[in-house]
């Protein structure tokens, strides 16, 4: 993904989080490995640039 695509995905996730926090809405989505890696990095204060894609292509 390029920078613009990453920003669009991040914007979508931020809006989903806002909706979840302000309404009865809940998606119930399970955390996948890629998202858990991001959660772990944020919680550890260790956000680093990924130099290559960590998600296997289909």
C-alpha atoms as a PDB file:
ATOM      1  CA  UNK A   1       0.000   0.000   0.000  1.00  0.00           C
ATOM      2  CA  UNK A   2       1.100   3.534  -0.562  1.00  0.00           C
ATOM      3  CA  UNK A   3       0.917   6.377   1.975  1.00  0.00           C
ATOM      4  CA  UNK A   4      -2.477   7.589   0.766  1.00  0.00           C
ATOM      5  CA  UNK A   5      -3.949   4.098   1.058  1.00  0.00           C
ATOM      6  CA  UNK A   6      -2.551   3.648   4.587  1.00  0.00           C
ATOM      7  CA  UNK A   7      -4.071   6.990   5.616  1.00  0.00           C
ATOM      8  CA  UNK A   8      -7.465   6.003   4.203  1.00  0.00           C
ATOM      9  CA  UNK A   9      -7.416   2.702   6.111  1.00  0.00           C
ATOM     10  CA  UNK A  10      -6.392   4.542   9.289  1.00  0.00           C
ATOM     11  CA  UNK A  11      -9.183   7.098   8.757  1.00  0.00           C
ATOM     12  CA  UNK A  12     -11.720   4.268   8.369  1.00  0.00           C
ATOM     13  CA  UNK A  13     -10.486   2.594  11.575  1.00  0.00           C
ATOM     14  CA  UNK A  14     -10.608   5.899  13.501  1.00  0.00           C
ATOM     15  CA  UNK A  15     -14.194   6.494  12.384  1.00  0.00           C
ATOM     16  CA  UNK A  16     -15.173   2.947  13.375  1.00  0.00           C
ATOM     17  CA  UNK A  17     -13.598   3.461  16.822  1.00  0.00           C
ATOM     18  CA  UNK A  18     -15.471   6.757  17.222  1.00  0.00           C
ATOM     19  CA  UNK A  19     -18.761   5.107  16.269  1.00  0.00           C
ATOM     20  CA  UNK A  20     -18.145   2.226  18.679  1.00  0.00           C
ATOM     21  CA  UNK A  21     -17.389   4.653  21.511  1.00  0.00           C
ATOM     22  CA  UNK A  22     -20.465   6.811  20.956  1.00  0.00           C
ATOM     23  CA  UNK A  23     -23.214   4.338  20.164  1.00  0.00           C
ATOM     24  CA  UNK A  24     -24.603   0.887  20.764  1.00  0.00           C
ATOM     25  CA  UNK A  25     -22.817  -0.227  17.585  1.00  0.00           C
ATOM     26  CA  UNK A  26     -20.438  -3.146  17.963  1.00  0.00           C
ATOM     27  CA  UNK A  27     -19.014  -5.174  15.113  1.00  0.00           C
ATOM     28  CA  UNK A  28     -17.664  -8.062  17.157  1.00  0.00           C
ATOM     29  CA  UNK A  29     -14.771  -8.496  14.738  1.00  0.00           C
ATOM     30  CA  UNK A  30     -12.056 -10.828  15.998  1.00  0.00           C
ATOM     31  CA  UNK A  31      -8.538  -9.418  16.170  1.00  0.00           C
ATOM     32  CA  UNK A  32      -6.359 -10.788  13.383  1.00  0.00           C
ATOM     33  CA  UNK A  33      -2.581 -11.301  13.650  1.00  0.00           C
ATOM     34  CA  UNK A  34      -1.748  -8.069  11.795  1.00  0.00           C
ATOM     35  CA  UNK A  35      -4.037  -5.952  13.990  1.00  0.00           C
ATOM     36  CA  UNK A  36      -2.736  -7.622  17.170  1.00  0.00           C
ATOM     37  CA  UNK A  37       0.813  -6.735  16.123  1.00  0.00           C
ATOM     38  CA  UNK A  38      -0.269  -3.093  15.792  1.00  0.00           C
ATOM     39  CA  UNK A  39      -2.083  -3.146  19.151  1.00  0.00           C
ATOM     40  CA  UNK A  40       0.963  -4.667  20.857  1.00  0.00           C
ATOM     41  CA  UNK A  41       3.283  -2.056  19.302  1.00  0.00           C
ATOM     42  CA  UNK A  42       1.079   0.862  20.387  1.00  0.00           C
ATOM     43  CA  UNK A  43       0.689  -0.497  23.917  1.00  0.00           C
ATOM     44  CA  UNK A  44       4.465  -0.993  24.198  1.00  0.00           C
ATOM     45  CA  UNK A  45       5.193   2.483  22.789  1.00  0.00           C
ATOM     46  CA  UNK A  46       7.230   0.896  20.020  1.00  0.00           C
ATOM     47  CA  UNK A  47       5.689   2.107  16.780  1.00  0.00           C
ATOM     48  CA  UNK A  48       8.214   1.583  13.994  1.00  0.00           C
ATOM     49  CA  UNK A  49       8.001   1.865  10.244  1.00  0.00           C
ATOM     50  CA  UNK A  50       7.417  -1.466   8.542  1.00  0.00           C
ATOM     51  CA  UNK A  51       9.975  -1.889   5.774  1.00  0.00           C
ATOM     52  CA  UNK A  52       8.046  -4.688   4.075  1.00  0.00           C
ATOM     53  CA  UNK A  53       4.524  -6.022   4.069  1.00  0.00           C
ATOM     54  CA  UNK A  54       3.839  -8.330   6.995  1.00  0.00           C
ATOM     55  CA  UNK A  55       0.559  -9.595   5.544  1.00  0.00           C
ATOM     56  CA  UNK A  56       0.886 -12.545   3.166  1.00  0.00           C
ATOM     57  CA  UNK A  57      -0.560 -11.886  -0.265  1.00  0.00           C
ATOM     58  CA  UNK A  58      -3.361 -14.124  -1.496  1.00  0.00           C
END
